[in-house]
Structure formats: structure tokens, C-alpha cells
Amino acid sequence: MAQAVRQQQHRFRFTLNSDGQPHPLENTLVAVTLALGLVAFVTAFFYNLHLLSSWTGLVGILTGAYGQYRSATTAERYGLIIGLGLAAVGFYLGMAHGGLFGGVF
């Protein structure tokens, strides 16, 4: 009856691999999408950084879309959706401020 007396410790652990299997490619896609989305979102509020925000937003959208295709767990999809949203806002504001090529084309 020792197991009945012993209290279980529940510590919060953040993991993207909630199914217990390693997913190195999918976790890398989540991290890259979040990083690109954050850069695109922050630089989108500066008018003269439209090239950076539009290109990082576009690459973040493409990376996030491929990550959604490859994702295996709900936690991965959650991170990808946040990164995709940030990348999309950065991309659209970058396009509104001058576009991918700075108004050359």
C-alpha cells in the first residue's frame, strides 16, 4: 500500500512532443516559424523596414504552412498557428509599406 500513501508530484513541463515521440524536424519548423513571425511582426511597424518584414513574413508563412503539413501534435500546431498569424500580419503590413522589391517592380 505504499503507492496509496505516496503523493504524486505534478510539475508543469512544456513540451511539443506530447505523444512521447521525438519530432526534431517538426519542432525546428515551429521554432523557425515563431522566430520569423516575430521578426516580421515587429519590423512591420517601421515603414523603412518593409523589405525585411515582407520577406520574413513570406518565408514564415511558407515555413508555417509546411509545418502544419508535417505537424504531429496539438502543441506543435498551436505554436505554428501563432507564428503563422504573426508572419501574416508582418507580411501584409510590409506589402502595404512598399512590398517585396521596394517598389521597383
N, C-alpha and C. Protein backbone atom coordinates (compact mmCIF):
# COMPACT_ATOMS: atom_id res chain seq x y z
N MET A 1 0.80 -1.20 0.00
CA MET A 1 0.00 0.00 0.00
C MET A 1 0.85 1.26 0.00
N ALA A 2 2.11 1.11 -0.27
CA ALA A 2 2.99 2.28 -0.30
C ALA A 2 2.59 3.23 -1.41
N GLN A 3 2.12 2.70 -2.52
CA GLN A 3 1.73 3.57 -3.62
C GLN A 3 0.50 4.40 -3.29
N ALA A 4 -0.32 3.97 -2.39
CA ALA A 4 -1.50 4.73 -1.99
C ALA A 4 -1.12 5.89 -1.09
N VAL A 5 -0.06 5.74 -0.34
CA VAL A 5 0.37 6.79 0.59
C VAL A 5 1.21 7.83 -0.13
N ARG A 6 1.97 7.40 -1.10
CA ARG A 6 2.88 8.30 -1.81
C ARG A 6 2.08 9.32 -2.62
N GLN A 7 2.46 10.58 -2.48
CA GLN A 7 1.80 11.63 -3.25
C GLN A 7 2.52 11.81 -4.57
N GLN A 8 1.76 12.03 -5.59
CA GLN A 8 2.34 12.22 -6.90
C GLN A 8 2.65 13.69 -7.09
N GLN A 9 3.81 13.95 -7.65
CA GLN A 9 4.21 15.32 -7.93
C GLN A 9 3.89 15.63 -9.39
N HIS A 10 3.11 16.67 -9.57
CA HIS A 10 2.75 17.11 -10.91
C HIS A 10 3.44 18.44 -11.15
N ARG A 11 4.48 18.42 -11.93
CA ARG A 11 5.17 19.64 -12.31
C ARG A 11 4.82 19.97 -13.74
N PHE A 12 4.71 21.26 -13.97
CA PHE A 12 4.42 21.70 -15.33
C PHE A 12 5.68 21.59 -16.18
N ARG A 13 5.59 20.86 -17.27
CA ARG A 13 6.67 20.74 -18.23
C ARG A 13 6.13 21.08 -19.60
N PHE A 14 6.74 22.10 -20.21
CA PHE A 14 6.33 22.47 -21.56
C PHE A 14 7.04 21.56 -22.55
N THR A 15 6.29 20.89 -23.37
CA THR A 15 6.87 20.04 -24.40
C THR A 15 5.99 20.07 -25.64
N LEU A 16 6.64 20.06 -26.76
CA LEU A 16 5.89 19.96 -28.01
C LEU A 16 5.60 18.52 -28.38
N ASN A 17 6.32 17.60 -27.75
CA ASN A 17 6.16 16.18 -28.05
C ASN A 17 5.22 15.52 -27.04
N SER A 18 3.99 15.89 -27.07
CA SER A 18 3.03 15.38 -26.09
C SER A 18 2.67 13.91 -26.31
N ASP A 19 3.04 13.37 -27.45
CA ASP A 19 2.77 11.95 -27.70
C ASP A 19 3.92 11.05 -27.27
N GLY A 20 5.00 11.63 -26.75
CA GLY A 20 6.11 10.85 -26.26
C GLY A 20 7.14 10.47 -27.31
N GLN A 21 6.91 10.83 -28.53
CA GLN A 21 7.84 10.52 -29.62
C GLN A 21 8.65 11.77 -29.96
N PRO A 22 9.91 11.63 -30.34
CA PRO A 22 10.69 12.81 -30.74
C PRO A 22 10.31 13.26 -32.15
N HIS A 23 10.21 14.56 -32.32
CA HIS A 23 9.88 15.16 -33.62
C HIS A 23 10.85 16.31 -33.89
N PRO A 24 12.11 16.02 -34.22
CA PRO A 24 13.07 17.12 -34.37
C PRO A 24 12.77 18.05 -35.53
N LEU A 25 12.34 17.54 -36.66
CA LEU A 25 12.03 18.40 -37.80
C LEU A 25 10.82 19.29 -37.51
N GLU A 26 9.80 18.71 -36.95
CA GLU A 26 8.59 19.47 -36.66
C GLU A 26 8.85 20.54 -35.59
N ASN A 27 9.64 20.21 -34.57
CA ASN A 27 9.96 21.19 -33.54
C ASN A 27 10.81 22.32 -34.10
N THR A 28 11.71 22.00 -35.02
CA THR A 28 12.52 23.03 -35.67
C THR A 28 11.64 23.94 -36.52
N LEU A 29 10.67 23.38 -37.22
CA LEU A 29 9.76 24.19 -38.01
C LEU A 29 8.94 25.13 -37.13
N VAL A 30 8.53 24.66 -35.96
CA VAL A 30 7.80 25.52 -35.03
C VAL A 30 8.67 26.67 -34.58
N ALA A 31 9.91 26.38 -34.19
CA ALA A 31 10.81 27.43 -33.71
C ALA A 31 11.14 28.44 -34.81
N VAL A 32 11.38 27.97 -36.02
CA VAL A 32 11.70 28.87 -37.13
C VAL A 32 10.49 29.72 -37.50
N THR A 33 9.32 29.13 -37.51
CA THR A 33 8.11 29.89 -37.83
C THR A 33 7.84 30.95 -36.78
N LEU A 34 8.00 30.61 -35.51
CA LEU A 34 7.79 31.61 -34.46
C LEU A 34 8.82 32.73 -34.55
N ALA A 35 10.07 32.39 -34.82
CA ALA A 35 11.11 33.42 -34.92
C ALA A 35 10.87 34.34 -36.12
N LEU A 36 10.58 33.76 -37.27
CA LEU A 36 10.31 34.57 -38.45
C LEU A 36 9.05 35.41 -38.28
N GLY A 37 8.03 34.84 -37.68
CA GLY A 37 6.80 35.59 -37.44
C GLY A 37 7.02 36.76 -36.50
N LEU A 38 7.81 36.54 -35.47
CA LEU A 38 8.08 37.62 -34.52
C LEU A 38 8.90 38.74 -35.17
N VAL A 39 9.90 38.37 -35.96
CA VAL A 39 10.70 39.39 -36.67
C VAL A 39 9.83 40.16 -37.66
N ALA A 40 9.00 39.45 -38.41
CA ALA A 40 8.13 40.11 -39.39
C ALA A 40 7.13 41.03 -38.70
N PHE A 41 6.59 40.59 -37.59
CA PHE A 41 5.59 41.40 -36.88
C PHE A 41 6.20 42.67 -36.31
N VAL A 42 7.36 42.55 -35.69
CA VAL A 42 7.99 43.71 -35.06
C VAL A 42 8.48 44.70 -36.11
N THR A 43 9.11 44.21 -37.17
CA THR A 43 9.63 45.13 -38.18
C THR A 43 8.55 45.71 -39.06
N ALA A 44 7.36 45.16 -39.03
CA ALA A 44 6.27 45.69 -39.86
C ALA A 44 5.81 47.07 -39.40
N PHE A 45 6.10 47.43 -38.17
CA PHE A 45 5.65 48.72 -37.65
C PHE A 45 6.62 49.85 -37.96
N PHE A 46 7.71 49.53 -38.64
CA PHE A 46 8.66 50.55 -39.08
C PHE A 46 8.58 50.63 -40.60
N TYR A 47 8.21 51.79 -41.08
CA TYR A 47 7.93 51.95 -42.50
C TYR A 47 9.14 51.62 -43.37
N ASN A 48 10.34 51.99 -42.93
CA ASN A 48 11.52 51.80 -43.75
C ASN A 48 12.06 50.36 -43.71
N LEU A 49 11.48 49.48 -42.92
CA LEU A 49 11.90 48.08 -42.86
C LEU A 49 10.93 47.16 -43.60
N HIS A 50 10.26 47.68 -44.61
CA HIS A 50 9.24 46.88 -45.30
C HIS A 50 9.84 45.71 -46.05
N LEU A 51 11.08 45.82 -46.53
CA LEU A 51 11.70 44.68 -47.21
C LEU A 51 11.91 43.53 -46.25
N LEU A 52 12.43 43.83 -45.08
CA LEU A 52 12.66 42.79 -44.08
C LEU A 52 11.36 42.16 -43.61
N SER A 53 10.37 42.99 -43.33
CA SER A 53 9.10 42.44 -42.82
C SER A 53 8.36 41.63 -43.88
N SER A 54 8.38 42.08 -45.12
CA SER A 54 7.64 41.34 -46.15
C SER A 54 8.34 40.02 -46.49
N TRP A 55 9.67 40.01 -46.58
CA TRP A 55 10.37 38.76 -46.91
C TRP A 55 10.32 37.77 -45.75
N THR A 56 10.56 38.23 -44.52
CA THR A 56 10.48 37.30 -43.39
C THR A 56 9.06 36.81 -43.19
N GLY A 57 8.08 37.67 -43.45
CA GLY A 57 6.70 37.25 -43.36
C GLY A 57 6.36 36.18 -44.39
N LEU A 58 6.83 36.36 -45.61
CA LEU A 58 6.57 35.38 -46.67
C LEU A 58 7.23 34.04 -46.35
N VAL A 59 8.49 34.08 -45.94
CA VAL A 59 9.18 32.83 -45.59
C VAL A 59 8.54 32.20 -44.36
N GLY A 60 8.09 33.01 -43.40
CA GLY A 60 7.41 32.48 -42.22
C GLY A 60 6.08 31.82 -42.57
N ILE A 61 5.36 32.39 -43.51
CA ILE A 61 4.10 31.78 -43.95
C ILE A 61 4.36 30.44 -44.63
N LEU A 62 5.35 30.39 -45.49
CA LEU A 62 5.66 29.14 -46.19
C LEU A 62 6.18 28.07 -45.22
N THR A 63 7.04 28.49 -44.28
CA THR A 63 7.56 27.55 -43.29
C THR A 63 6.43 27.04 -42.39
N GLY A 64 5.56 27.93 -41.98
CA GLY A 64 4.43 27.54 -41.14
C GLY A 64 3.45 26.63 -41.85
N ALA A 65 3.24 26.87 -43.13
CA ALA A 65 2.34 26.00 -43.89
C ALA A 65 2.91 24.59 -44.02
N TYR A 66 4.21 24.51 -44.28
CA TYR A 66 4.84 23.19 -44.35
C TYR A 66 4.86 22.53 -42.97
N GLY A 67 5.04 23.33 -41.94
CA GLY A 67 5.00 22.80 -40.58
C GLY A 67 3.63 22.26 -40.22
N GLN A 68 2.59 22.92 -40.68
CA GLN A 68 1.23 22.42 -40.44
C GLN A 68 1.02 21.08 -41.15
N TYR A 69 1.61 20.95 -42.32
CA TYR A 69 1.50 19.71 -43.06
C TYR A 69 2.21 18.57 -42.33
N ARG A 70 3.35 18.88 -41.71
CA ARG A 70 4.16 17.86 -41.06
C ARG A 70 3.86 17.67 -39.57
N SER A 71 3.09 18.55 -38.96
CA SER A 71 2.92 18.52 -37.51
C SER A 71 2.26 17.23 -37.04
N ALA A 72 2.65 16.81 -35.83
CA ALA A 72 2.15 15.55 -35.30
C ALA A 72 1.35 15.73 -34.02
N THR A 73 1.55 16.82 -33.31
CA THR A 73 0.85 17.02 -32.04
C THR A 73 0.11 18.35 -32.03
N THR A 74 -0.79 18.47 -31.10
CA THR A 74 -1.57 19.70 -30.97
C THR A 74 -0.69 20.86 -30.52
N ALA A 75 0.28 20.61 -29.67
CA ALA A 75 1.17 21.67 -29.20
C ALA A 75 1.99 22.25 -30.36
N GLU A 76 2.41 21.42 -31.27
CA GLU A 76 3.13 21.92 -32.44
C GLU A 76 2.22 22.79 -33.30
N ARG A 77 1.01 22.34 -33.49
CA ARG A 77 0.06 23.11 -34.31
C ARG A 77 -0.28 24.45 -33.66
N TYR A 78 -0.35 24.47 -32.35
CA TYR A 78 -0.65 25.71 -31.63
C TYR A 78 0.46 26.73 -31.86
N GLY A 79 1.70 26.31 -31.71
CA GLY A 79 2.82 27.21 -31.95
C GLY A 79 2.90 27.66 -33.39
N LEU A 80 2.59 26.77 -34.30
CA LEU A 80 2.62 27.12 -35.72
C LEU A 80 1.55 28.14 -36.08
N ILE A 81 0.38 28.02 -35.50
CA ILE A 81 -0.69 28.97 -35.79
C ILE A 81 -0.33 30.36 -35.28
N ILE A 82 0.28 30.44 -34.11
CA ILE A 82 0.70 31.74 -33.59
C ILE A 82 1.77 32.34 -34.50
N GLY A 83 2.76 31.54 -34.88
CA GLY A 83 3.80 32.02 -35.79
C GLY A 83 3.26 32.41 -37.15
N LEU A 84 2.32 31.64 -37.66
CA LEU A 84 1.69 31.97 -38.94
C LEU A 84 0.93 33.30 -38.87
N GLY A 85 0.23 33.50 -37.79
CA GLY A 85 -0.51 34.76 -37.63
C GLY A 85 0.42 35.96 -37.57
N LEU A 86 1.50 35.85 -36.81
CA LEU A 86 2.47 36.94 -36.73
C LEU A 86 3.13 37.18 -38.08
N ALA A 87 3.49 36.11 -38.77
CA ALA A 87 4.13 36.25 -40.08
C ALA A 87 3.18 36.87 -41.09
N ALA A 88 1.91 36.49 -41.04
CA ALA A 88 0.94 37.04 -41.99
C ALA A 88 0.72 38.53 -41.77
N VAL A 89 0.62 38.95 -40.51
CA VAL A 89 0.44 40.38 -40.22
C VAL A 89 1.67 41.14 -40.68
N GLY A 90 2.86 40.61 -40.39
CA GLY A 90 4.09 41.27 -40.84
C GLY A 90 4.19 41.32 -42.35
N PHE A 91 3.81 40.24 -43.01
CA PHE A 91 3.85 40.21 -44.47
C PHE A 91 2.90 41.24 -45.07
N TYR A 92 1.68 41.27 -44.59
CA TYR A 92 0.70 42.19 -45.17
C TYR A 92 1.04 43.65 -44.90
N LEU A 93 1.53 43.95 -43.71
CA LEU A 93 1.93 45.34 -43.45
C LEU A 93 3.18 45.70 -44.24
N GLY A 94 4.09 44.75 -44.41
CA GLY A 94 5.26 45.00 -45.24
C GLY A 94 4.88 45.24 -46.69
N MET A 95 3.91 44.51 -47.18
CA MET A 95 3.43 44.72 -48.54
C MET A 95 2.75 46.08 -48.67
N ALA A 96 2.04 46.50 -47.66
CA ALA A 96 1.37 47.79 -47.70
C ALA A 96 2.37 48.95 -47.65
N HIS A 97 3.52 48.73 -47.03
CA HIS A 97 4.50 49.79 -46.90
C HIS A 97 5.48 49.87 -48.06
N GLY A 98 5.48 48.92 -48.97
CA GLY A 98 6.39 49.02 -50.09
C GLY A 98 6.61 47.73 -50.84
N GLY A 99 6.30 46.61 -50.22
CA GLY A 99 6.36 45.34 -50.93
C GLY A 99 7.69 44.62 -50.84
N LEU A 100 7.76 43.54 -51.58
CA LEU A 100 8.93 42.66 -51.55
C LEU A 100 10.14 43.25 -52.25
N PHE A 101 9.93 44.10 -53.23
CA PHE A 101 11.05 44.61 -54.02
C PHE A 101 11.22 46.12 -53.87
N GLY A 102 10.59 46.72 -52.91
CA GLY A 102 10.78 48.14 -52.64
C GLY A 102 10.19 49.06 -53.69
N GLY A 103 9.20 48.64 -54.41
CA GLY A 103 8.56 49.46 -55.39
C GLY A 103 9.26 49.49 -56.74
N VAL A 104 10.27 48.63 -56.94
CA VAL A 104 10.98 48.59 -58.23
C VAL A 104 10.09 47.95 -59.28
N PHE A 105 9.39 46.88 -58.93
CA PHE A 105 8.51 46.21 -59.88
C PHE A 105 7.10 46.60 -59.68
